[in-house]
Amino acid sequence: MLHGYFMSRANTLVIPGGKIELAMQLIFTPLILRLVENGRKARARY
């Protein structure tokens, strides 16, 4: 999905500057959605 990127190490992505916004959306959106869902579940318990 991100053309021009490569992994310089096992935990490091090198992404062209023009595609950093798309990369951040692809990486962080699922994490944020999971945090929100877990927060809702935690509030429902109390």
PDB file of N, CA and C in Angstrom:
ATOM      1  N   MET A   1       0.820  -1.195   0.000  1.00  0.00           N
ATOM      2  CA  MET A   1       0.000   0.000   0.000  1.00  0.00           C
ATOM      3  C   MET A   1       0.866   1.263   0.000  1.00  0.00           C
ATOM      4  N   LEU A   2       2.015   1.204   0.609  1.00  0.00           N
ATOM      5  CA  LEU A   2       2.934   2.354   0.624  1.00  0.00           C
ATOM      6  C   LEU A   2       4.115   2.055  -0.286  1.00  0.00           C
ATOM      7  N   HIS A   3       4.102   2.615  -1.469  1.00  0.00           N
ATOM      8  CA  HIS A   3       5.198   2.385  -2.403  1.00  0.00           C
ATOM      9  C   HIS A   3       6.390   3.245  -2.005  1.00  0.00           C
ATOM     10  N   GLY A   4       7.570   2.687  -2.075  1.00  0.00           N
ATOM     11  CA  GLY A   4       8.784   3.431  -1.785  1.00  0.00           C
ATOM     12  C   GLY A   4       9.271   3.290  -0.359  1.00  0.00           C
ATOM     13  N   TYR A   5       8.594   2.498   0.464  1.00  0.00           N
ATOM     14  CA  TYR A   5       9.071   2.323   1.826  1.00  0.00           C
ATOM     15  C   TYR A   5       9.928   1.068   1.906  1.00  0.00           C
ATOM     16  N   PHE A   6      10.737   0.983   2.952  1.00  0.00           N
ATOM     17  CA  PHE A   6      11.496  -0.231   3.210  1.00  0.00           C
ATOM     18  C   PHE A   6      11.784  -0.324   4.697  1.00  0.00           C
ATOM     19  N   MET A   7      12.132  -1.511   5.133  1.00  0.00           N
ATOM     20  CA  MET A   7      12.479  -1.729   6.530  1.00  0.00           C
ATOM     21  C   MET A   7      13.999  -1.722   6.653  1.00  0.00           C
ATOM     22  N   SER A   8      14.520  -0.756   7.416  1.00  0.00           N
ATOM     23  CA  SER A   8      15.963  -0.675   7.592  1.00  0.00           C
ATOM     24  C   SER A   8      16.425  -1.605   8.711  1.00  0.00           C
ATOM     25  N   ARG A   9      15.533  -1.916   9.625  1.00  0.00           N
ATOM     26  CA  ARG A   9      15.767  -2.868  10.713  1.00  0.00           C
ATOM     27  C   ARG A   9      14.461  -3.611  10.965  1.00  0.00           C
ATOM     28  N   ALA A  10      14.481  -4.548  11.867  1.00  0.00           N
ATOM     29  CA  ALA A  10      13.292  -5.364  12.118  1.00  0.00           C
ATOM     30  C   ALA A  10      12.117  -4.539  12.644  1.00  0.00           C
ATOM     31  N   ASN A  11      12.405  -3.408  13.290  1.00  0.00           N
ATOM     32  CA  ASN A  11      11.325  -2.608  13.862  1.00  0.00           C
ATOM     33  C   ASN A  11      11.346  -1.160  13.367  1.00  0.00           C
ATOM     34  N   THR A  12      11.926  -0.915  12.183  1.00  0.00           N
ATOM     35  CA  THR A  12      12.039   0.445  11.659  1.00  0.00           C
ATOM     36  C   THR A  12      11.610   0.493  10.198  1.00  0.00           C
ATOM     37  N   LEU A  13      10.589   1.320   9.925  1.00  0.00           N
ATOM     38  CA  LEU A  13      10.145   1.558   8.556  1.00  0.00           C
ATOM     39  C   LEU A  13      10.717   2.886   8.082  1.00  0.00           C
ATOM     40  N   VAL A  14      11.221   2.910   6.865  1.00  0.00           N
ATOM     41  CA  VAL A  14      11.659   4.152   6.232  1.00  0.00           C
ATOM     42  C   VAL A  14      10.617   4.478   5.169  1.00  0.00           C
ATOM     43  N   ILE A  15       9.963   5.639   5.323  1.00  0.00           N
ATOM     44  CA  ILE A  15       8.847   6.013   4.475  1.00  0.00           C
ATOM     45  C   ILE A  15       9.144   7.362   3.829  1.00  0.00           C
ATOM     46  N   PRO A  16       8.917   7.496   2.529  1.00  0.00           N
ATOM     47  CA  PRO A  16       9.115   8.789   1.875  1.00  0.00           C
ATOM     48  C   PRO A  16       8.270   9.878   2.552  1.00  0.00           C
ATOM     49  N   GLY A  17       8.828  11.082   2.672  1.00  0.00           N
ATOM     50  CA  GLY A  17       8.179  12.180   3.387  1.00  0.00           C
ATOM     51  C   GLY A  17       6.773  12.500   2.920  1.00  0.00           C
ATOM     52  N   GLY A  18       6.503  12.387   1.638  1.00  0.00           N
ATOM     53  CA  GLY A  18       5.173  12.702   1.130  1.00  0.00           C
ATOM     54  C   GLY A  18       4.121  11.696   1.515  1.00  0.00           C
ATOM     55  N   LYS A  19       4.528  10.548   2.000  1.00  0.00           N
ATOM     56  CA  LYS A  19       3.572   9.485   2.344  1.00  0.00           C
ATOM     57  C   LYS A  19       3.483   9.243   3.841  1.00  0.00           C
ATOM     58  N   ILE A  20       4.128  10.107   4.636  1.00  0.00           N
ATOM     59  CA  ILE A  20       4.147   9.888   6.080  1.00  0.00           C
ATOM     60  C   ILE A  20       2.747   9.997   6.693  1.00  0.00           C
ATOM     61  N   GLU A  21       1.917  10.912   6.173  1.00  0.00           N
ATOM     62  CA  GLU A  21       0.567  11.056   6.717  1.00  0.00           C
ATOM     63  C   GLU A  21      -0.255   9.786   6.494  1.00  0.00           C
ATOM     64  N   LEU A  22      -0.196   9.232   5.292  1.00  0.00           N
ATOM     65  CA  LEU A  22      -0.905   7.988   4.999  1.00  0.00           C
ATOM     66  C   LEU A  22      -0.373   6.853   5.865  1.00  0.00           C
ATOM     67  N   ALA A  23       0.942   6.786   6.014  1.00  0.00           N
ATOM     68  CA  ALA A  23       1.537   5.734   6.835  1.00  0.00           C
ATOM     69  C   ALA A  23       1.060   5.826   8.278  1.00  0.00           C
ATOM     70  N   MET A  24       1.020   7.038   8.816  1.00  0.00           N
ATOM     71  CA  MET A  24       0.562   7.207  10.196  1.00  0.00           C
ATOM     72  C   MET A  24      -0.900   6.811  10.345  1.00  0.00           C
ATOM     73  N   GLN A  25      -1.727   7.137   9.347  1.00  0.00           N
ATOM     74  CA  GLN A  25      -3.133   6.732   9.398  1.00  0.00           C
ATOM     75  C   GLN A  25      -3.258   5.214   9.391  1.00  0.00           C
ATOM     76  N   LEU A  26      -2.499   4.563   8.520  1.00  0.00           N
ATOM     77  CA  LEU A  26      -2.572   3.103   8.424  1.00  0.00           C
ATOM     78  C   LEU A  26      -2.078   2.421   9.697  1.00  0.00           C
ATOM     79  N   ILE A  27      -1.079   2.997  10.333  1.00  0.00           N
ATOM     80  CA  ILE A  27      -0.496   2.378  11.522  1.00  0.00           C
ATOM     81  C   ILE A  27      -1.319   2.685  12.776  1.00  0.00           C
ATOM     82  N   PHE A  28      -1.725   3.949  12.955  1.00  0.00           N
ATOM     83  CA  PHE A  28      -2.330   4.362  14.220  1.00  0.00           C
ATOM     84  C   PHE A  28      -3.838   4.200  14.303  1.00  0.00           C
ATOM     85  N   THR A  29      -4.557   4.232  13.192  1.00  0.00           N
ATOM     86  CA  THR A  29      -6.016   4.136  13.258  1.00  0.00           C
ATOM     87  C   THR A  29      -6.491   2.863  13.952  1.00  0.00           C
ATOM     88  N   PRO A  30      -5.981   1.683  13.595  1.00  0.00           N
ATOM     89  CA  PRO A  30      -6.443   0.485  14.311  1.00  0.00           C
ATOM     90  C   PRO A  30      -6.092   0.508  15.804  1.00  0.00           C
ATOM     91  N   LEU A  31      -4.944   1.079  16.152  1.00  0.00           N
ATOM     92  CA  LEU A  31      -4.560   1.154  17.555  1.00  0.00           C
ATOM     93  C   LEU A  31      -5.491   2.079  18.336  1.00  0.00           C
ATOM     94  N   ILE A  32      -5.823   3.227  17.764  1.00  0.00           N
ATOM     95  CA  ILE A  32      -6.715   4.176  18.431  1.00  0.00           C
ATOM     96  C   ILE A  32      -8.111   3.593  18.570  1.00  0.00           C
ATOM     97  N   LEU A  33      -8.603   2.932  17.530  1.00  0.00           N
ATOM     98  CA  LEU A  33      -9.924   2.313  17.618  1.00  0.00           C
ATOM     99  C   LEU A  33      -9.973   1.246  18.707  1.00  0.00           C
ATOM    100  N   ARG A  34      -8.904   0.486  18.835  1.00  0.00           N
ATOM    101  CA  ARG A  34      -8.834  -0.534  19.877  1.00  0.00           C
ATOM    102  C   ARG A  34      -8.820   0.097  21.268  1.00  0.00           C
ATOM    103  N   LEU A  35      -8.075   1.195  21.432  1.00  0.00           N
ATOM    104  CA  LEU A  35      -8.050   1.896  22.720  1.00  0.00           C
ATOM    105  C   LEU A  35      -9.429   2.435  23.092  1.00  0.00           C
ATOM    106  N   VAL A  36     -10.128   3.014  22.125  1.00  0.00           N
ATOM    107  CA  VAL A  36     -11.466   3.553  22.380  1.00  0.00           C
ATOM    108  C   VAL A  36     -12.414   2.426  22.778  1.00  0.00           C
ATOM    109  N   GLU A  37     -12.358   1.324  22.066  1.00  0.00           N
ATOM    110  CA  GLU A  37     -13.239   0.197  22.382  1.00  0.00           C
ATOM    111  C   GLU A  37     -12.943  -0.365  23.770  1.00  0.00           C
ATOM    112  N   ASN A  38     -11.684  -0.500  24.112  1.00  0.00           N
ATOM    113  CA  ASN A  38     -11.322  -0.998  25.439  1.00  0.00           C
ATOM    114  C   ASN A  38     -11.775  -0.036  26.530  1.00  0.00           C
ATOM    115  N   GLY A  39     -11.709   1.265  26.253  1.00  0.00           N
ATOM    116  CA  GLY A  39     -12.177   2.256  27.218  1.00  0.00           C
ATOM    117  C   GLY A  39     -13.678   2.147  27.443  1.00  0.00           C
ATOM    118  N   ARG A  40     -14.404   1.920  26.361  1.00  0.00           N
ATOM    119  CA  ARG A  40     -15.861   1.759  26.486  1.00  0.00           C
ATOM    120  C   ARG A  40     -16.208   0.513  27.300  1.00  0.00           C
ATOM    121  N   LYS A  41     -15.474  -0.558  27.045  1.00  0.00           N
ATOM    122  CA  LYS A  41     -15.724  -1.794  27.789  1.00  0.00           C
ATOM    123  C   LYS A  41     -15.402  -1.609  29.264  1.00  0.00           C
ATOM    124  N   ALA A  42     -14.331  -0.893  29.559  1.00  0.00           N
ATOM    125  CA  ALA A  42     -13.931  -0.664  30.952  1.00  0.00           C
ATOM    126  C   ALA A  42     -14.973   0.177  31.672  1.00  0.00           C
ATOM    127  N   ARG A  43     -15.513   1.211  31.002  1.00  0.00           N
ATOM    128  CA  ARG A  43     -16.547   2.058  31.628  1.00  0.00           C
ATOM    129  C   ARG A  43     -17.834   1.290  31.846  1.00  0.00           C
ATOM    130  N   ALA A  44     -18.134   0.340  30.978  1.00  0.00           N
ATOM    131  CA  ALA A  44     -19.369  -0.434  31.098  1.00  0.00           C
ATOM    132  C   ALA A  44     -19.321  -1.352  32.320  1.00  0.00           C
ATOM    133  N   ARG A  45     -18.115  -1.733  32.727  1.00  0.00           N
ATOM    134  CA  ARG A  45     -17.978  -2.626  33.880  1.00  0.00           C
ATOM    135  C   ARG A  45     -18.266  -1.924  35.190  1.00  0.00           C
ATOM    136  N   TYR A  46     -18.080  -0.599  35.235  1.00  0.00           N
ATOM    137  CA  TYR A  46     -18.218   0.122  36.515  1.00  0.00           C
ATOM    138  C   TYR A  46     -19.493   0.869  36.634  1.00  0.00           C
TER     139      TYR A  46
END
